[in-house]
N, C-alpha and C. Protein backbone atom coordinates (compact mmCIF):
# COMPACT_ATOMS: atom_id res chain seq x y z
N MET A 1 -78.92 -176.98 27.68
CA MET A 1 -80.02 -176.21 28.23
C MET A 1 -80.05 -176.33 29.74
N THR A 2 -80.38 -175.25 30.38
CA THR A 2 -80.52 -175.28 31.84
C THR A 2 -81.95 -174.96 32.20
N ARG A 3 -82.40 -175.53 33.26
CA ARG A 3 -83.75 -175.27 33.73
C ARG A 3 -83.73 -174.14 34.75
N ALA A 4 -84.81 -173.38 34.77
CA ALA A 4 -84.93 -172.33 35.78
C ALA A 4 -85.17 -172.97 37.14
N SER A 5 -84.57 -172.38 38.15
CA SER A 5 -84.78 -172.93 39.48
C SER A 5 -86.18 -172.57 39.98
N ARG A 6 -86.61 -173.22 41.01
CA ARG A 6 -87.96 -172.99 41.52
C ARG A 6 -88.14 -171.58 42.06
N THR A 7 -87.11 -170.99 42.60
CA THR A 7 -87.24 -169.63 43.11
C THR A 7 -87.48 -168.65 41.97
N ASP A 8 -86.89 -168.91 40.81
CA ASP A 8 -87.12 -168.04 39.65
C ASP A 8 -88.56 -168.17 39.17
N GLU A 9 -89.09 -169.38 39.20
CA GLU A 9 -90.47 -169.60 38.77
C GLU A 9 -91.44 -168.90 39.71
N ARG A 10 -91.16 -168.93 41.00
CA ARG A 10 -92.04 -168.26 41.97
C ARG A 10 -91.99 -166.74 41.79
N ALA A 11 -90.84 -166.21 41.47
CA ALA A 11 -90.71 -164.77 41.30
C ALA A 11 -91.49 -164.30 40.08
N GLU A 12 -91.65 -165.15 39.09
CA GLU A 12 -92.36 -164.78 37.88
C GLU A 12 -93.87 -165.00 37.98
N ALA A 13 -94.33 -165.65 39.04
CA ALA A 13 -95.76 -165.92 39.20
C ALA A 13 -96.50 -164.60 39.40
N GLU A 14 -97.71 -164.55 38.86
CA GLU A 14 -98.50 -163.34 38.99
C GLU A 14 -99.06 -163.22 40.40
N PRO A 15 -98.99 -162.04 40.98
CA PRO A 15 -99.63 -161.84 42.28
C PRO A 15 -101.15 -161.75 42.10
N PRO A 16 -101.90 -162.07 43.12
CA PRO A 16 -103.36 -161.99 42.99
C PRO A 16 -103.80 -160.53 42.87
N ASP A 17 -104.81 -160.30 42.06
CA ASP A 17 -105.32 -158.94 41.89
C ASP A 17 -106.46 -158.69 42.88
N LEU A 18 -106.20 -158.98 44.14
CA LEU A 18 -107.19 -158.79 45.19
C LEU A 18 -106.66 -157.78 46.19
N PRO A 19 -107.49 -156.83 46.60
CA PRO A 19 -107.02 -155.86 47.59
C PRO A 19 -106.76 -156.54 48.93
N GLY A 20 -105.65 -156.22 49.54
CA GLY A 20 -105.31 -156.77 50.84
C GLY A 20 -104.51 -158.05 50.81
N PHE A 21 -104.29 -158.61 49.64
CA PHE A 21 -103.53 -159.86 49.52
C PHE A 21 -102.36 -159.64 48.58
N ARG A 22 -101.15 -159.93 49.08
CA ARG A 22 -99.97 -159.78 48.25
C ARG A 22 -99.54 -161.09 47.61
N THR A 23 -99.94 -162.21 48.22
CA THR A 23 -99.54 -163.52 47.70
C THR A 23 -100.76 -164.44 47.61
N TRP A 24 -100.62 -165.46 46.78
CA TRP A 24 -101.69 -166.46 46.67
C TRP A 24 -101.79 -167.26 47.96
N ARG A 25 -100.68 -167.44 48.64
CA ARG A 25 -100.71 -168.17 49.91
C ARG A 25 -101.63 -167.47 50.91
N GLY A 26 -101.61 -166.14 50.94
CA GLY A 26 -102.51 -165.40 51.82
C GLY A 26 -103.97 -165.60 51.45
N VAL A 27 -104.25 -165.65 50.16
CA VAL A 27 -105.63 -165.89 49.70
C VAL A 27 -106.09 -167.27 50.14
N TYR A 28 -105.24 -168.28 49.94
CA TYR A 28 -105.59 -169.65 50.31
C TYR A 28 -105.81 -169.78 51.81
N LEU A 29 -104.95 -169.15 52.61
CA LEU A 29 -105.10 -169.22 54.06
C LEU A 29 -106.38 -168.52 54.51
N PHE A 30 -106.73 -167.41 53.89
CA PHE A 30 -107.96 -166.69 54.22
C PHE A 30 -109.18 -167.56 53.93
N VAL A 31 -109.21 -168.16 52.76
CA VAL A 31 -110.35 -169.01 52.38
C VAL A 31 -110.44 -170.22 53.29
N PHE A 32 -109.32 -170.85 53.59
CA PHE A 32 -109.32 -172.01 54.48
C PHE A 32 -109.78 -171.61 55.88
N GLY A 33 -109.36 -170.45 56.36
CA GLY A 33 -109.79 -169.96 57.66
C GLY A 33 -111.30 -169.76 57.73
N TRP A 34 -111.88 -169.17 56.67
CA TRP A 34 -113.33 -169.00 56.62
C TRP A 34 -114.05 -170.34 56.60
N PHE A 35 -113.50 -171.30 55.85
CA PHE A 35 -114.10 -172.63 55.80
C PHE A 35 -114.13 -173.26 57.19
N VAL A 36 -113.02 -173.19 57.91
CA VAL A 36 -112.95 -173.75 59.26
C VAL A 36 -113.94 -173.04 60.17
N LEU A 37 -114.04 -171.73 60.07
CA LEU A 37 -114.98 -170.97 60.89
C LEU A 37 -116.42 -171.40 60.63
N VAL A 38 -116.78 -171.56 59.37
CA VAL A 38 -118.15 -171.97 59.02
C VAL A 38 -118.44 -173.37 59.56
N VAL A 39 -117.51 -174.29 59.45
CA VAL A 39 -117.72 -175.64 59.96
C VAL A 39 -117.89 -175.61 61.48
N VAL A 40 -117.09 -174.83 62.16
CA VAL A 40 -117.21 -174.72 63.62
C VAL A 40 -118.55 -174.11 63.99
N LEU A 41 -118.95 -173.05 63.30
CA LEU A 41 -120.25 -172.42 63.60
C LEU A 41 -121.41 -173.36 63.32
N LEU A 42 -121.35 -174.12 62.25
CA LEU A 42 -122.40 -175.09 61.96
C LEU A 42 -122.48 -176.16 63.06
N THR A 43 -121.35 -176.58 63.55
CA THR A 43 -121.32 -177.56 64.63
C THR A 43 -121.93 -176.98 65.91
N VAL A 44 -121.57 -175.76 66.24
CA VAL A 44 -122.09 -175.11 67.44
C VAL A 44 -123.59 -174.88 67.31
N PHE A 45 -124.04 -174.39 66.18
CA PHE A 45 -125.47 -174.13 65.99
C PHE A 45 -126.28 -175.42 65.99
N THR A 46 -125.72 -176.48 65.43
CA THR A 46 -126.42 -177.77 65.44
C THR A 46 -126.60 -178.26 66.87
N ALA A 47 -125.55 -178.16 67.66
CA ALA A 47 -125.64 -178.61 69.06
C ALA A 47 -126.57 -177.72 69.86
N THR A 48 -126.60 -176.43 69.56
CA THR A 48 -127.41 -175.49 70.33
C THR A 48 -128.89 -175.60 69.99
N PHE A 49 -129.24 -175.74 68.74
CA PHE A 49 -130.64 -175.66 68.32
C PHE A 49 -131.29 -177.02 68.03
N SER A 50 -130.60 -178.10 68.34
CA SER A 50 -131.24 -179.40 68.09
C SER A 50 -131.67 -180.06 69.39
């Protein structure tokens, strides 16, 4: 028996069913970017309004 290589496994992975995203990596980067933005804004607002 032979095992499938990792590139074959990636090719068989389902793409996300989200408009504007072709890969899951793009979805993860988008969510992480929003998280970083929210943390930065919370820090700025805390310093500004306290």
